[in-house]
Amino acid sequence: MIDVPIESKVHVEKRKNIPDDAVVFHYDELDEGFKERFPKLAEDTPAEGSVDPENVLSDGDYVKFTDYFQVTCQC
């Protein structure tokens, strides 16, 4: 049996305002795999890409990069 990694569709969208109770991660806190892909995803907001689900934050979390970006995923 071959172990094939499952990929998730990740959507990244720039947000001007975030909720007071939002979970926010700084770019430097991201997993290395997701950190490598995040700038490309954030470049053409709104943007989508496929990533390994282990490298993704929880659905709806925010990332502070050059601005705040909300991350949503479909696993």
Protein backbone atom coordinates (compact mmCIF):
# COMPACT_ATOMS: atom_id res chain seq x y z
CA MET A 1 0.00 0.00 0.00
CA ILE A 2 1.38 3.42 -0.97
CA ASP A 3 0.94 6.25 1.50
CA VAL A 4 -0.23 9.25 -0.52
CA PRO A 5 -0.45 12.59 1.28
CA ILE A 6 -3.91 14.11 1.39
CA GLU A 7 -4.03 17.75 0.38
CA SER A 8 -6.40 20.50 1.47
CA LYS A 9 -7.61 23.52 -0.44
CA VAL A 10 -6.55 26.58 1.52
CA HIS A 11 -8.02 30.02 0.96
CA VAL A 12 -6.17 33.12 2.20
CA GLU A 13 -7.89 36.50 2.23
CA LYS A 14 -6.67 39.87 3.49
CA ARG A 15 -8.82 41.34 6.26
CA LYS A 16 -8.87 44.91 7.52
CA ASN A 17 -10.60 44.04 10.78
CA ILE A 18 -10.39 40.91 12.87
CA PRO A 19 -12.66 39.81 15.73
CA ASP A 20 -11.47 40.47 19.28
CA ASP A 21 -11.55 36.74 20.01
CA ALA A 22 -9.69 35.71 16.81
CA VAL A 23 -6.78 33.29 16.96
CA VAL A 24 -3.83 35.12 15.40
CA PHE A 25 -0.45 33.64 14.48
CA HIS A 26 2.56 35.67 13.44
CA TYR A 27 4.13 34.57 10.17
CA ASP A 28 7.25 33.41 12.06
CA GLU A 29 5.12 30.97 14.08
CA LEU A 30 3.92 29.05 11.03
CA ASP A 31 5.04 25.51 10.27
CA GLU A 32 7.99 25.58 7.82
CA GLY A 33 5.98 23.93 5.03
CA PHE A 34 3.11 26.41 5.27
CA LYS A 35 5.50 29.32 5.86
CA GLU A 36 7.14 28.63 2.49
CA ARG A 37 3.81 28.74 0.65
CA PHE A 38 2.11 31.54 2.57
CA PRO A 39 3.71 34.54 0.75
CA LYS A 40 2.51 33.18 -2.61
CA LEU A 41 -0.98 32.57 -1.24
CA ALA A 42 -1.08 36.09 0.24
CA GLU A 43 0.32 37.70 -2.91
CA ASP A 44 -2.83 37.57 -5.03
CA THR A 45 -5.52 37.81 -2.39
CA PRO A 46 -8.01 36.25 -2.42
CA ALA A 47 -6.01 33.19 -3.43
CA GLU A 48 -6.21 29.44 -3.07
CA GLY A 49 -3.62 26.73 -3.02
CA SER A 50 -3.17 23.11 -2.05
CA VAL A 51 -1.14 22.26 1.02
CA ASP A 52 -0.60 19.30 3.30
CA PRO A 53 -3.29 19.55 6.03
CA GLU A 54 -0.65 19.02 8.73
CA ASN A 55 0.84 22.38 7.73
CA VAL A 56 -2.42 24.33 7.98
CA LEU A 57 -3.78 26.29 10.90
CA SER A 58 -7.30 25.71 12.13
CA ASP A 59 -10.05 26.85 9.80
CA GLY A 60 -10.72 30.56 10.31
CA ASP A 61 -7.44 31.44 12.06
CA TYR A 62 -5.59 34.61 11.14
CA VAL A 63 -1.97 35.22 10.18
CA LYS A 64 -0.17 38.53 10.71
CA PHE A 65 2.10 38.90 7.69
CA THR A 66 2.27 42.28 5.92
CA ASP A 67 -1.41 42.64 6.90
CA TYR A 68 -3.88 40.34 8.62
CA PHE A 69 -4.98 37.36 6.53
CA GLN A 70 -7.74 34.89 7.34
CA VAL A 71 -7.00 31.26 6.52
CA THR A 72 -9.83 28.89 5.66
CA CYS A 73 -9.45 25.34 4.49
CA GLN A 74 -11.43 22.49 2.97
CA CYS A 75 -10.01 19.15 4.01
